[in-house]
N, C-alpha and C. Protein backbone atom coordinates (compact mmCIF):
# COMPACT_ATOMS: atom_id res chain seq x y z
N MET A 1 -20.45 166.84 -126.61
CA MET A 1 -21.56 166.31 -127.81
C MET A 1 -22.28 165.11 -126.53
N ASN A 2 -21.53 164.26 -125.60
CA ASN A 2 -22.38 163.46 -125.26
C ASN A 2 -23.43 164.35 -124.15
N GLN A 3 -23.04 165.20 -123.54
CA GLN A 3 -24.05 166.36 -122.80
C GLN A 3 -24.77 166.86 -123.48
N VAL A 4 -24.74 166.96 -124.22
CA VAL A 4 -25.81 167.84 -125.02
C VAL A 4 -26.98 166.89 -125.62
N LYS A 5 -26.32 165.56 -126.34
CA LYS A 5 -27.63 164.15 -126.33
C LYS A 5 -27.97 164.12 -124.92
N ASN A 6 -27.43 163.99 -124.05
CA ASN A 6 -28.09 163.45 -122.71
C ASN A 6 -29.01 164.51 -122.24
N ALA A 7 -29.05 165.82 -122.40
CA ALA A 7 -29.70 167.22 -122.39
C ALA A 7 -30.94 166.41 -123.00
N ALA A 8 -30.43 166.54 -123.94
CA ALA A 8 -31.59 166.61 -125.11
C ALA A 8 -32.48 165.10 -124.84
N LEU A 9 -32.06 164.19 -124.56
CA LEU A 9 -32.76 162.86 -123.92
C LEU A 9 -33.41 163.26 -123.08
N VAL A 10 -33.09 163.72 -122.06
CA VAL A 10 -33.97 164.24 -120.56
C VAL A 10 -35.35 165.12 -121.20
N ALA A 11 -35.17 165.76 -122.38
CA ALA A 11 -36.30 166.96 -122.57
C ALA A 11 -36.80 166.21 -123.03
N ALA A 12 -36.88 165.59 -124.06
CA ALA A 12 -37.57 164.11 -125.02
C ALA A 12 -38.25 162.99 -124.00
N VAL A 13 -37.34 162.56 -123.03
CA VAL A 13 -38.01 161.45 -122.10
C VAL A 13 -39.44 161.97 -121.61
N ALA A 14 -39.17 163.20 -121.25
CA ALA A 14 -39.90 164.01 -120.44
C ALA A 14 -41.25 164.75 -120.48
N MET A 15 -40.96 164.88 -122.36
CA MET A 15 -41.68 165.26 -123.05
C MET A 15 -42.74 164.01 -123.28
N ALA A 16 -42.01 162.73 -123.85
CA ALA A 16 -43.12 161.70 -123.86
C ALA A 16 -43.64 161.50 -122.43
N VAL A 17 -43.35 161.54 -121.82
CA VAL A 17 -44.38 161.12 -120.14
C VAL A 17 -45.08 162.18 -120.46
N ALA A 18 -44.90 162.96 -120.58
CA ALA A 18 -46.40 164.33 -120.49
C ALA A 18 -47.38 164.11 -121.33
N GLY A 19 -46.83 163.13 -122.53
CA GLY A 19 -47.77 162.91 -123.80
C GLY A 19 -48.58 161.90 -123.29
N SER A 20 -48.21 160.96 -122.46
CA SER A 20 -49.39 159.46 -122.14
C SER A 20 -50.09 160.22 -121.11
N VAL A 21 -50.43 161.47 -120.76
CA VAL A 21 -51.09 161.50 -119.94
C VAL A 21 -52.58 162.20 -120.51
N GLN A 22 -53.28 162.45 -119.81
CA GLN A 22 -54.45 162.90 -120.66
C GLN A 22 -54.47 164.54 -120.49
N ALA A 23 -53.71 165.13 -119.49
CA ALA A 23 -53.53 166.77 -118.98
C ALA A 23 -52.68 166.94 -119.52
N GLN A 24 -52.01 167.24 -120.90
CA GLN A 24 -50.76 167.55 -121.59
C GLN A 24 -50.53 168.68 -122.18
N GLU A 25 -49.30 169.52 -122.00
CA GLU A 25 -49.33 170.79 -121.99
C GLU A 25 -47.73 170.93 -122.84
N VAL A 26 -47.66 171.48 -123.61
CA VAL A 26 -46.50 171.85 -124.61
C VAL A 26 -46.10 173.42 -124.81
N TYR A 27 -45.08 173.86 -124.81
CA TYR A 27 -44.16 175.53 -125.06
C TYR A 27 -43.55 175.45 -125.52
N VAL A 28 -43.83 177.08 -126.13
CA VAL A 28 -42.51 177.62 -126.60
C VAL A 28 -42.00 178.34 -126.30
N HIS A 29 -41.15 178.87 -125.74
CA HIS A 29 -40.32 179.95 -125.05
C HIS A 29 -38.89 180.69 -125.43
N GLY A 30 -38.95 182.00 -124.98
CA GLY A 30 -37.54 182.22 -125.51
C GLY A 30 -37.13 183.30 -123.93
N GLY A 31 -35.61 183.54 -124.08
CA GLY A 31 -35.24 184.26 -123.23
C GLY A 31 -34.15 184.20 -122.92
N THR A 32 -33.53 184.75 -121.78
CA THR A 32 -31.44 184.71 -121.63
C THR A 32 -31.30 183.59 -121.36
N LEU A 33 -32.07 182.00 -121.93
CA LEU A 33 -31.37 180.73 -122.16
C LEU A 33 -31.93 180.62 -123.65
N GLY A 34 -32.03 181.16 -124.33
CA GLY A 34 -32.46 181.12 -125.71
C GLY A 34 -33.77 180.91 -125.96
N ALA A 35 -34.08 180.45 -127.51
CA ALA A 35 -35.47 180.15 -127.35
C ALA A 35 -35.22 178.39 -127.79
N GLY A 36 -36.72 177.83 -127.37
CA GLY A 36 -36.61 176.44 -127.34
C GLY A 36 -38.25 175.98 -126.75
N VAL A 37 -38.33 174.57 -126.66
CA VAL A 37 -39.78 174.07 -126.49
C VAL A 37 -39.59 172.84 -125.12
N GLY A 38 -40.63 172.96 -124.72
CA GLY A 38 -41.11 171.90 -123.68
C GLY A 38 -42.09 171.40 -123.91
N ALA A 39 -42.56 170.64 -122.14
CA ALA A 39 -43.96 169.84 -121.88
C ALA A 39 -43.95 170.14 -120.68
N ALA A 40 -44.86 169.75 -119.77
CA ALA A 40 -45.70 169.92 -118.37
C ALA A 40 -46.27 169.13 -118.42
N LEU A 41 -46.23 168.49 -117.11
CA LEU A 41 -47.41 167.15 -116.64
C LEU A 41 -47.82 167.37 -115.10
N PRO A 42 -48.58 168.11 -114.70
CA PRO A 42 -49.46 167.74 -113.39
C PRO A 42 -49.17 166.75 -112.85
N LEU A 43 -49.02 166.93 -111.36
CA LEU A 43 -48.51 165.30 -110.49
C LEU A 43 -49.56 165.80 -109.24
N THR A 44 -50.47 166.87 -109.05
CA THR A 44 -51.33 167.60 -107.88
C THR A 44 -52.21 168.09 -108.50
N SER A 45 -53.26 169.01 -107.77
CA SER A 45 -53.59 170.19 -107.58
C SER A 45 -52.97 171.55 -107.88
N TRP A 46 -51.68 170.80 -106.54
CA TRP A 46 -50.40 172.04 -106.58
C TRP A 46 -49.46 171.50 -106.72
N ALA A 47 -48.70 170.71 -107.71
CA ALA A 47 -47.33 170.64 -107.75
C ALA A 47 -47.66 169.58 -109.53
N GLY A 48 -46.40 170.20 -109.94
CA GLY A 48 -46.34 169.60 -111.17
C GLY A 48 -44.92 169.03 -111.64
N VAL A 49 -44.32 169.15 -112.84
CA VAL A 49 -43.11 168.93 -113.06
C VAL A 49 -43.13 169.72 -114.53
N HIS A 50 -41.97 170.04 -115.22
CA HIS A 50 -41.77 170.44 -116.69
C HIS A 50 -40.31 170.08 -116.86
N ALA A 51 -40.16 170.01 -118.72
CA ALA A 51 -38.86 169.86 -118.85
C ALA A 51 -38.76 170.94 -120.42
N GLU A 52 -37.89 171.32 -120.31
CA GLU A 52 -37.27 171.71 -121.76
C GLU A 52 -36.36 171.83 -122.52
N PHE A 53 -36.00 172.08 -123.71
CA PHE A 53 -34.95 172.28 -124.47
C PHE A 53 -34.47 173.69 -125.08
N GLU A 54 -33.22 173.93 -124.86
CA GLU A 54 -33.41 175.43 -125.67
C GLU A 54 -32.29 176.11 -126.11
N GLY A 55 -31.76 176.76 -127.13
CA GLY A 55 -30.49 177.21 -127.63
C GLY A 55 -30.47 178.29 -128.01
N LEU A 56 -29.05 178.94 -128.13
CA LEU A 56 -28.76 180.13 -128.68
C LEU A 56 -27.35 180.68 -129.11
N GLY A 57 -27.01 180.69 -130.55
CA GLY A 57 -25.68 181.47 -130.54
C GLY A 57 -25.74 182.86 -130.88
N PHE A 58 -24.55 183.22 -130.98
CA PHE A 58 -24.33 184.29 -130.94
C PHE A 58 -23.00 184.85 -130.93
N SER A 59 -22.34 185.40 -131.92
CA SER A 59 -20.71 186.56 -131.19
C SER A 59 -21.13 187.41 -130.75
N HIS A 60 -19.25 187.29 -129.40
CA HIS A 60 -19.34 188.23 -128.26
C HIS A 60 -18.47 188.60 -128.10
N SER A 61 -17.59 189.53 -128.67
CA SER A 61 -16.02 190.13 -128.31
C SER A 61 -15.90 190.38 -126.97
N PHE A 62 -14.84 189.93 -126.37
CA PHE A 62 -14.47 191.16 -124.76
C PHE A 62 -13.35 191.12 -125.11
N ASN A 63 -12.66 192.26 -123.59
CA ASN A 63 -11.53 192.30 -123.33
C ASN A 63 -11.33 191.92 -122.40
N VAL A 64 -9.96 191.46 -122.09
CA VAL A 64 -9.11 190.84 -120.72
C VAL A 64 -7.90 191.67 -120.37
N SER A 65 -7.90 192.72 -119.48
CA SER A 65 -6.60 193.04 -119.30
C SER A 65 -6.12 193.43 -120.67
N GLY A 66 -7.14 194.13 -121.28
CA GLY A 66 -5.60 195.03 -122.38
C GLY A 66 -6.04 194.17 -123.85
N ASN A 67 -6.09 193.08 -123.73
CA ASN A 67 -6.26 192.37 -124.75
C ASN A 67 -7.64 191.84 -125.00
N ASP A 68 -7.69 191.99 -126.54
CA ASP A 68 -9.37 192.00 -127.19
C ASP A 68 -9.45 190.44 -127.79
N TYR A 69 -10.67 189.82 -127.59
CA TYR A 69 -10.92 188.80 -127.76
C TYR A 69 -11.83 188.70 -129.03
N ASP A 70 -11.94 187.84 -130.15
CA ASP A 70 -13.02 187.61 -131.08
C ASP A 70 -13.31 186.57 -130.74
N GLY A 71 -14.88 186.84 -130.04
CA GLY A 71 -15.73 185.29 -129.60
C GLY A 71 -16.87 184.92 -129.90
N HIS A 72 -17.52 183.97 -129.67
CA HIS A 72 -18.75 183.11 -130.17
C HIS A 72 -19.21 182.76 -128.73
N LEU A 73 -20.62 182.91 -128.44
CA LEU A 73 -21.10 182.22 -127.39
C LEU A 73 -22.00 181.22 -127.85
N LYS A 74 -21.81 180.36 -127.47
CA LYS A 74 -23.08 178.78 -127.58
C LYS A 74 -23.91 178.60 -126.27
N LEU A 75 -24.94 178.76 -126.30
CA LEU A 75 -26.01 178.29 -125.69
C LEU A 75 -26.95 177.15 -125.63
N LEU A 76 -26.70 175.87 -125.27
CA LEU A 76 -27.46 174.60 -125.54
C LEU A 76 -27.55 174.26 -123.89
N GLN A 77 -28.85 173.32 -123.88
CA GLN A 77 -29.09 173.01 -122.36
C GLN A 77 -30.64 172.49 -122.64
N GLY A 78 -31.08 171.37 -121.67
CA GLY A 78 -32.39 170.87 -121.05
C GLY A 78 -32.68 171.21 -119.91
N GLY A 79 -33.74 171.09 -119.45
CA GLY A 79 -33.56 171.31 -117.94
C GLY A 79 -34.68 170.42 -117.40
N LEU A 80 -34.66 170.34 -116.10
CA LEU A 80 -35.93 169.71 -115.23
C LEU A 80 -36.37 170.17 -114.43
N TYR A 81 -37.86 170.40 -114.24
CA TYR A 81 -38.50 171.38 -112.59
C TYR A 81 -39.22 170.76 -111.97
N LEU A 82 -39.18 171.57 -111.04
CA LEU A 82 -40.54 170.94 -110.25
C LEU A 82 -41.17 172.12 -109.93
N ASP A 83 -42.83 172.20 -109.74
CA ASP A 83 -43.43 173.21 -109.89
C ASP A 83 -44.44 173.04 -108.52
N LEU A 84 -44.34 174.10 -107.91
CA LEU A 84 -45.49 173.89 -106.44
C LEU A 84 -45.91 175.40 -106.67
N PHE A 85 -47.81 175.23 -106.50
CA PHE A 85 -48.62 176.32 -106.92
C PHE A 85 -49.15 176.88 -105.47
N PRO A 86 -48.63 177.76 -104.55
CA PRO A 86 -49.32 177.90 -103.55
C PRO A 86 -50.70 178.42 -103.24
N PHE A 87 -50.86 178.81 -104.43
CA PHE A 87 -52.48 179.41 -104.26
C PHE A 87 -53.38 178.90 -105.67
N SER A 88 -54.51 177.84 -104.47
CA SER A 88 -55.51 177.18 -105.76
C SER A 88 -55.98 177.89 -107.09
N SER A 89 -56.07 179.17 -106.71
CA SER A 89 -56.70 180.17 -107.79
C SER A 89 -55.82 180.99 -108.34
N SER A 90 -54.82 180.30 -108.37
CA SER A 90 -53.58 180.86 -109.32
C SER A 90 -52.73 180.50 -110.03
N GLY A 91 -51.62 181.33 -110.92
CA GLY A 91 -51.47 180.16 -111.74
C GLY A 91 -49.87 180.88 -111.07
N PHE A 92 -49.63 180.87 -110.37
CA PHE A 92 -47.99 181.66 -110.06
C PHE A 92 -47.26 180.08 -109.13
N ARG A 93 -46.25 180.62 -109.40
CA ARG A 93 -45.60 178.90 -109.01
C ARG A 93 -44.30 179.27 -108.28
N LEU A 94 -43.59 178.10 -107.55
CA LEU A 94 -42.38 178.26 -106.91
C LEU A 94 -41.82 177.38 -107.73
N THR A 95 -40.47 177.70 -108.71
CA THR A 95 -39.69 176.50 -109.21
C THR A 95 -38.31 176.33 -109.07
N ALA A 96 -38.09 174.96 -108.82
CA ALA A 96 -36.48 174.65 -108.45
C ALA A 96 -36.38 173.27 -109.19
N GLY A 97 -35.32 173.08 -109.80
CA GLY A 97 -34.87 172.35 -110.97
C GLY A 97 -32.92 172.34 -111.30
N ALA A 98 -32.82 171.97 -112.23
CA ALA A 98 -31.40 171.94 -112.69
C ALA A 98 -31.76 172.03 -114.27
N LEU A 99 -30.55 172.65 -115.16
CA LEU A 99 -30.02 173.03 -116.23
C LEU A 99 -28.83 171.80 -115.98
N ILE A 100 -29.13 171.42 -117.63
CA ILE A 100 -28.58 170.35 -117.48
C ILE A 100 -27.54 170.61 -119.11
N ASN A 101 -26.14 171.32 -118.92
CA ASN A 101 -26.07 171.82 -120.44
C ASN A 101 -24.68 172.22 -120.76
N ASP A 102 -24.93 172.76 -122.15
CA ASP A 102 -22.95 172.51 -123.01
C ASP A 102 -22.83 174.03 -123.26
N ASP A 103 -22.69 175.09 -122.36
CA ASP A 103 -22.79 176.39 -122.85
C ASP A 103 -21.26 176.44 -122.65
N GLU A 104 -21.35 177.28 -123.98
CA GLU A 104 -19.70 177.69 -123.97
C GLU A 104 -19.26 178.98 -124.24
N LEU A 105 -18.74 179.61 -124.28
CA LEU A 105 -17.56 180.95 -125.01
C LEU A 105 -16.47 180.45 -125.44
N THR A 106 -16.31 180.78 -126.40
CA THR A 106 -14.92 180.98 -127.24
C THR A 106 -14.30 181.67 -127.78
N GLY A 107 -12.96 181.88 -127.63
CA GLY A 107 -12.46 183.49 -127.77
C GLY A 107 -11.48 183.44 -128.98
N GLN A 108 -10.77 184.01 -129.59
CA GLN A 108 -9.29 183.72 -130.25
C GLN A 108 -9.17 185.28 -130.10
N ALA A 109 -8.19 185.31 -129.55
CA ALA A 109 -6.92 186.65 -129.30
C ALA A 109 -6.80 187.64 -130.34
N VAL A 110 -7.42 189.09 -130.47
CA VAL A 110 -7.14 189.77 -131.65
C VAL A 110 -5.51 190.77 -131.42
N PRO A 111 -4.63 190.77 -132.86
CA PRO A 111 -3.49 191.62 -132.65
C PRO A 111 -3.86 192.97 -132.12
N ASN A 112 -3.33 193.63 -131.48
CA ASN A 112 -3.79 195.28 -131.20
C ASN A 112 -2.73 195.74 -132.38
N ALA A 113 -2.93 197.47 -132.23
CA ALA A 113 -2.90 198.35 -133.61
C ALA A 113 -1.33 198.13 -134.16
N GLN A 114 -0.44 197.12 -133.24
CA GLN A 114 1.21 197.28 -133.41
C GLN A 114 1.11 195.93 -134.37
N GLY A 115 0.52 195.13 -134.00
CA GLY A 115 0.45 194.12 -134.41
C GLY A 115 1.10 192.46 -133.37
N ASN A 116 0.72 193.25 -132.34
CA ASN A 116 1.18 192.15 -131.05
C ASN A 116 -0.37 191.70 -130.40
N TYR A 117 0.34 190.46 -129.46
CA TYR A 117 -0.56 189.91 -128.29
C TYR A 117 -0.26 190.55 -127.42
N LYS A 118 -1.04 190.59 -126.29
CA LYS A 118 -0.74 191.02 -124.47
C LYS A 118 -1.06 189.40 -124.01
N ILE A 119 0.04 188.49 -123.26
CA ILE A 119 -0.11 187.52 -122.60
C ILE A 119 1.01 188.02 -121.36
N GLY A 120 -0.45 188.14 -120.15
CA GLY A 120 -0.01 188.00 -118.98
C GLY A 120 0.59 189.78 -119.03
N ASP A 121 1.69 189.78 -118.32
CA ASP A 121 2.25 191.26 -118.54
C ASP A 121 3.40 191.45 -119.77
N GLU A 122 3.42 190.78 -120.92
CA GLU A 122 4.13 191.18 -121.99
C GLU A 122 3.29 190.93 -123.41
N PHE A 123 3.67 191.72 -124.27
CA PHE A 123 3.52 191.69 -125.23
C PHE A 123 4.28 190.78 -126.27
N VAL A 124 3.24 190.18 -127.15
CA VAL A 124 4.53 189.30 -128.24
C VAL A 124 3.83 189.65 -129.96
N PRO A 125 5.00 189.21 -130.66
CA PRO A 125 4.19 189.80 -132.12
C PRO A 125 3.37 188.44 -132.38
N ALA A 126 2.41 188.70 -133.31
CA ALA A 126 1.36 187.77 -134.10
C ALA A 126 2.20 187.40 -134.91
N VAL A 127 3.30 185.89 -134.44
CA VAL A 127 3.67 185.20 -135.78
C VAL A 127 3.04 183.81 -136.11
N GLY A 128 2.33 183.97 -135.06
CA GLY A 128 1.38 182.30 -135.57
C GLY A 128 -0.38 182.27 -135.40
N PRO A 129 -0.77 181.36 -135.03
CA PRO A 129 -1.92 181.51 -135.04
C PRO A 129 -2.37 182.31 -133.62
N ALA A 130 -3.38 182.44 -133.26
CA ALA A 130 -3.89 183.21 -132.39
C ALA A 130 -3.98 182.82 -130.92
N PRO A 131 -3.63 183.23 -130.14
CA PRO A 131 -3.96 182.18 -128.51
C PRO A 131 -5.57 182.38 -128.54
N SER A 132 -5.84 181.11 -128.09
CA SER A 132 -7.49 181.22 -127.56
C SER A 132 -8.00 180.57 -126.38
N THR A 133 -8.71 181.32 -126.07
CA THR A 133 -9.66 180.58 -124.58
C THR A 133 -11.43 179.74 -125.03
N THR A 134 -11.31 179.08 -123.68
CA THR A 134 -12.92 178.53 -123.69
C THR A 134 -13.10 178.56 -122.18
N ILE A 135 -14.21 179.16 -122.04
CA ILE A 135 -14.89 179.51 -120.43
C ILE A 135 -16.02 178.48 -120.90
N THR A 136 -16.17 177.36 -120.11
CA THR A 136 -17.72 176.66 -119.49
C THR A 136 -18.01 176.61 -118.25
N LEU A 137 -19.55 176.27 -118.30
CA LEU A 137 -20.08 176.33 -117.19
C LEU A 137 -20.15 174.90 -116.74
N PRO A 138 -20.94 174.28 -115.43
CA PRO A 138 -21.02 173.30 -115.26
C PRO A 138 -21.54 172.39 -115.86
N ARG A 139 -21.87 171.44 -115.75
CA ARG A 139 -22.78 170.41 -116.79
C ARG A 139 -23.97 170.65 -116.03
N VAL A 140 -24.31 170.23 -114.65
CA VAL A 140 -25.28 170.76 -114.35
C VAL A 140 -25.37 171.78 -113.25
N MET A 141 -26.22 172.83 -113.20
CA MET A 141 -26.53 173.56 -112.40
C MET A 141 -27.57 173.53 -111.69
N PRO A 142 -28.13 173.50 -110.83
CA PRO A 142 -29.00 174.53 -109.94
C PRO A 142 -29.73 175.38 -109.88
N TYR A 143 -31.05 174.87 -109.80
CA TYR A 143 -32.51 176.29 -110.40
C TYR A 143 -33.02 176.45 -109.31
N LEU A 144 -33.32 178.01 -109.28
CA LEU A 144 -34.74 178.50 -108.19
C LEU A 144 -34.92 179.16 -109.02
N GLY A 145 -36.47 179.43 -108.57
CA GLY A 145 -37.22 181.03 -109.04
C GLY A 145 -38.44 180.62 -108.76
N ILE A 146 -39.09 181.39 -109.42
CA ILE A 146 -40.60 182.00 -109.45
C ILE A 146 -41.45 182.47 -110.94
N GLY A 147 -42.59 182.00 -111.31
CA GLY A 147 -43.05 181.80 -112.67
C GLY A 147 -44.50 182.20 -112.62
N TYR A 148 -44.79 181.56 -113.59
CA TYR A 148 -46.19 181.56 -113.93
C TYR A 148 -46.98 180.69 -114.94
N GLY A 149 -48.24 180.31 -114.73
CA GLY A 149 -48.04 179.12 -115.84
C GLY A 149 -47.87 177.77 -115.75
N HIS A 150 -48.64 176.44 -116.66
CA HIS A 150 -48.32 175.12 -116.24
C HIS A 150 -49.27 174.49 -115.31
N LYS A 151 -50.12 175.26 -114.66
CA LYS A 151 -51.27 174.89 -113.78
C LYS A 151 -52.34 174.16 -114.65
N PRO A 152 -52.86 173.15 -114.02
CA PRO A 152 -53.31 172.67 -115.09
C PRO A 152 -55.51 173.05 -115.01
N VAL A 153 -55.19 174.13 -115.81
CA VAL A 153 -56.88 174.62 -115.29
C VAL A 153 -57.51 174.37 -116.22
N SER A 154 -57.05 174.65 -117.30
CA SER A 154 -58.25 174.58 -118.62
C SER A 154 -57.62 173.87 -119.69
N LYS A 155 -58.34 173.46 -120.99
CA LYS A 155 -57.88 173.79 -122.15
C LYS A 155 -57.55 174.60 -122.67
N GLY A 156 -56.66 174.37 -124.30
CA GLY A 156 -55.95 175.98 -124.83
C GLY A 156 -54.76 176.56 -124.75
N PHE A 157 -54.75 177.73 -124.94
CA PHE A 157 -53.55 178.31 -124.45
C PHE A 157 -53.87 179.40 -123.90
N GLY A 158 -52.51 179.05 -123.28
CA GLY A 158 -52.09 180.19 -121.94
C GLY A 158 -50.92 180.75 -122.21
N LEU A 159 -50.30 181.31 -121.28
CA LEU A 159 -49.17 182.03 -121.11
C LEU A 159 -47.91 181.36 -119.95
N THR A 160 -46.90 181.47 -120.14
CA THR A 160 -45.70 181.25 -119.19
C THR A 160 -44.57 182.45 -118.94
N PHE A 161 -44.10 182.44 -117.98
CA PHE A 161 -43.27 183.30 -117.26
C PHE A 161 -42.52 182.45 -116.61
N ASP A 162 -41.38 183.24 -116.37
CA ASP A 162 -40.35 182.08 -115.34
C ASP A 162 -39.34 183.66 -115.15
N LEU A 163 -38.80 183.86 -113.67
CA LEU A 163 -37.62 184.70 -113.53
C LEU A 163 -37.20 183.98 -112.26
N GLY A 164 -36.06 183.78 -112.54
CA GLY A 164 -34.97 182.65 -111.49
C GLY A 164 -33.40 182.86 -111.53
N VAL A 165 -32.29 182.02 -111.30
CA VAL A 165 -31.42 182.16 -110.95
C VAL A 165 -31.00 180.99 -111.33
N ALA A 166 -29.84 180.56 -111.98
CA ALA A 166 -28.78 179.42 -112.13
C ALA A 166 -27.44 179.48 -111.46
N TYR A 167 -26.98 177.96 -110.58
CA TYR A 167 -25.82 178.58 -110.26
C TYR A 167 -24.82 177.73 -110.81
N GLY A 168 -23.54 178.17 -110.73
CA GLY A 168 -22.62 177.48 -111.54
C GLY A 168 -21.37 178.00 -111.51
N ARG A 169 -20.19 177.64 -110.97
CA ARG A 169 -18.70 178.12 -111.53
C ARG A 169 -18.69 178.37 -112.42
N PRO A 170 -17.65 179.02 -113.37
CA PRO A 170 -17.37 179.29 -115.01
C PRO A 170 -16.21 178.37 -114.30
N ARG A 171 -15.51 177.38 -115.67
CA ARG A 171 -14.21 177.04 -115.96
C ARG A 171 -13.64 177.53 -116.73
N THR A 172 -12.30 177.94 -117.20
CA THR A 172 -11.23 178.69 -118.12
C THR A 172 -10.37 177.64 -118.61
N THR A 173 -10.60 177.38 -119.89
CA THR A 173 -8.71 177.06 -120.40
C THR A 173 -8.03 178.01 -121.31
N TYR A 174 -6.80 178.54 -121.17
CA TYR A 174 -6.37 179.12 -122.04
C TYR A 174 -5.37 178.35 -123.04
N ASN A 175 -5.07 178.04 -124.20
CA ASN A 175 -4.63 177.94 -125.30
C ASN A 175 -3.78 178.38 -126.28
N VAL A 176 -1.97 178.35 -125.82
CA VAL A 176 -1.42 178.89 -126.48
C VAL A 176 -0.70 178.23 -127.73
N PRO A 177 -0.07 178.53 -128.66
CA PRO A 177 0.72 177.85 -129.52
C PRO A 177 1.88 177.86 -129.15
N ALA A 178 2.84 177.10 -129.76
CA ALA A 178 3.78 176.64 -128.77
C ALA A 178 4.99 177.53 -129.41
N ILE A 179 4.53 178.38 -130.74
CA ILE A 179 5.80 179.23 -130.84
C ILE A 179 5.56 180.73 -130.07
N TYR A 180 4.32 181.05 -129.19
CA TYR A 180 4.36 181.92 -128.21
C TYR A 180 5.24 181.42 -126.81
N SER A 181 5.70 180.43 -126.77
CA SER A 181 6.50 179.31 -125.39
C SER A 181 7.56 180.43 -125.84
N GLN A 182 8.03 180.66 -126.84
CA GLN A 182 9.43 180.71 -126.89
C GLN A 182 9.88 181.93 -126.96
N LEU A 183 8.48 183.10 -127.04
CA LEU A 183 8.62 184.50 -126.91
C LEU A 183 8.22 185.32 -125.99
N THR A 184 7.52 184.09 -124.43
CA THR A 184 7.32 184.67 -123.03
C THR A 184 7.75 183.66 -122.71
N SER A 185 7.20 184.01 -121.21
CA SER A 185 7.34 183.05 -120.16
C SER A 185 6.31 182.07 -119.87
N GLN A 186 6.16 181.15 -118.86
CA GLN A 186 5.50 180.42 -118.64
C GLN A 186 4.36 181.14 -117.51
N ALA A 187 5.29 182.24 -117.06
CA ALA A 187 4.50 182.95 -116.00
C ALA A 187 3.76 183.58 -116.43
N ASN A 188 3.95 184.22 -117.58
CA ASN A 188 3.02 185.18 -118.69
C ASN A 188 1.87 184.36 -119.03
N ILE A 189 2.03 182.83 -119.35
CA ILE A 189 1.14 182.38 -119.64
C ILE A 189 -0.37 181.93 -118.98
N ASP A 190 0.31 181.96 -117.61
CA ASP A 190 -0.21 181.31 -116.51
C ASP A 190 -1.06 182.50 -115.90
N GLN A 191 -0.34 183.60 -116.29
CA GLN A 191 -1.11 185.18 -115.43
C GLN A 191 -2.03 185.07 -116.72
N GLU A 192 -2.05 185.41 -118.15
CA GLU A 192 -3.50 185.64 -118.36
C GLU A 192 -4.24 184.57 -118.53
N GLU A 193 -4.42 183.18 -118.26
CA GLU A 193 -5.51 182.07 -117.41
C GLU A 193 -6.21 182.53 -116.48
N GLN A 194 -5.47 182.97 -115.49
CA GLN A 194 -5.69 183.78 -113.92
C GLN A 194 -6.83 184.68 -114.84
N ASN A 195 -6.05 186.05 -115.42
CA ASN A 195 -6.45 187.11 -115.61
C ASN A 195 -7.96 186.75 -116.32
N ILE A 196 -8.26 185.56 -117.43
CA ILE A 196 -9.74 185.40 -117.45
C ILE A 196 -10.02 184.85 -116.56
N SER A 197 -9.90 183.95 -116.21
CA SER A 197 -10.76 183.49 -114.56
C SER A 197 -10.95 184.29 -113.86
N ASN A 198 -10.27 185.02 -113.72
CA ASN A 198 -10.79 186.60 -112.24
C ASN A 198 -12.47 187.11 -113.60
N LYS A 199 -11.75 187.74 -114.32
CA LYS A 199 -12.88 188.15 -115.30
C LYS A 199 -14.19 187.55 -115.14
N VAL A 200 -14.37 186.07 -115.26
CA VAL A 200 -15.75 185.19 -115.50
C VAL A 200 -16.10 184.91 -114.22
N GLU A 201 -15.41 184.86 -113.31
CA GLU A 201 -15.52 184.59 -111.86
C GLU A 201 -16.78 185.48 -111.53
N ARG A 202 -16.76 186.07 -111.52
CA ARG A 202 -18.15 186.61 -111.10
C ARG A 202 -19.25 186.55 -111.45
N TYR A 203 -19.13 185.32 -112.77
CA TYR A 203 -20.34 185.61 -113.52
C TYR A 203 -21.02 184.06 -112.53
N LYS A 204 -20.81 184.09 -111.93
CA LYS A 204 -21.50 182.54 -110.78
C LYS A 204 -23.09 182.39 -111.22
N VAL A 205 -23.15 183.50 -111.01
CA VAL A 205 -24.98 183.52 -111.02
C VAL A 205 -25.54 183.81 -112.21
N TYR A 206 -26.51 183.18 -112.77
CA TYR A 206 -26.71 182.87 -114.28
C TYR A 206 -28.53 183.22 -114.18
N PRO A 207 -28.83 185.25 -114.61
CA PRO A 207 -29.97 185.07 -114.66
C PRO A 207 -30.70 184.66 -115.73
N VAL A 208 -32.23 184.16 -115.05
CA VAL A 208 -32.79 183.74 -116.22
C VAL A 208 -34.68 183.95 -116.01
N VAL A 209 -34.36 184.59 -117.97
CA VAL A 209 -36.35 185.32 -117.75
C VAL A 209 -36.44 184.68 -118.84
N GLN A 210 -37.51 184.22 -118.88
CA GLN A 210 -38.32 183.26 -119.97
C GLN A 210 -39.77 183.76 -120.28
N ILE A 211 -40.18 183.76 -121.01
CA ILE A 211 -41.72 183.77 -121.53
C ILE A 211 -42.14 183.22 -122.50
N GLY A 212 -43.26 182.37 -122.54
CA GLY A 212 -43.56 181.84 -123.58
C GLY A 212 -45.38 181.57 -123.85
N VAL A 213 -45.47 181.03 -124.66
CA VAL A 213 -46.71 180.52 -125.05
C VAL A 213 -46.85 178.76 -124.73
N SER A 214 -48.15 178.96 -124.17
CA SER A 214 -48.28 176.70 -123.97
C SER A 214 -49.68 177.08 -124.63
N TYR A 215 -49.75 175.54 -124.62
CA TYR A 215 -51.15 175.15 -125.23
C TYR A 215 -51.64 173.65 -124.06
N ARG A 216 -52.46 173.49 -123.35
CA ARG A 216 -52.77 172.17 -123.12
C ARG A 216 -54.22 171.47 -123.76
N PHE A 217 -54.44 170.52 -123.57
CA PHE A 217 -54.91 169.73 -124.49
C PHE A 217 -55.38 168.19 -124.18
């Protein structure tokens, strides 16, 4: 929760800074990071900064080595970015910065048709609370991309677009109620955690596609 407050504070401070200058821009947008709001601040005719805060939550079931999990994905992050405009007559930009996030995927194991959970290489009867897993991303993830918008050209409405990637290695925890420790070995418990870790390991690169509407005044 502290990380969420920090992310919100970062975005709020940046928006307050943007609001203190004459060429203020605010925007709303949505995409793979969720839906949110932001503000942009020009530094020179060819550079600026923008900050934002966005989030989204939805159910997401998944399967790991034959074991089904009933999951929920929570996206919640803020971001701070530097924008460089290489063409004086265009809103095209290069953007680099950081996501400060509290993204989390949680899942509870679902019994199979025989009423068993699979833990590692062994099936055990579902006789208590379900084993669960939590997958998180690093609190700070570097971002690099291209985009359009946030250039201080004229007052009024405009469009924003971002296409890029954020990088971060997912972390996995696997929680097994004590009763299942009596029904299977620690090696199987460790194997199930490794199976989950292996599945999410491929998602080190997070694709970012956001589109929005801005207003400069």
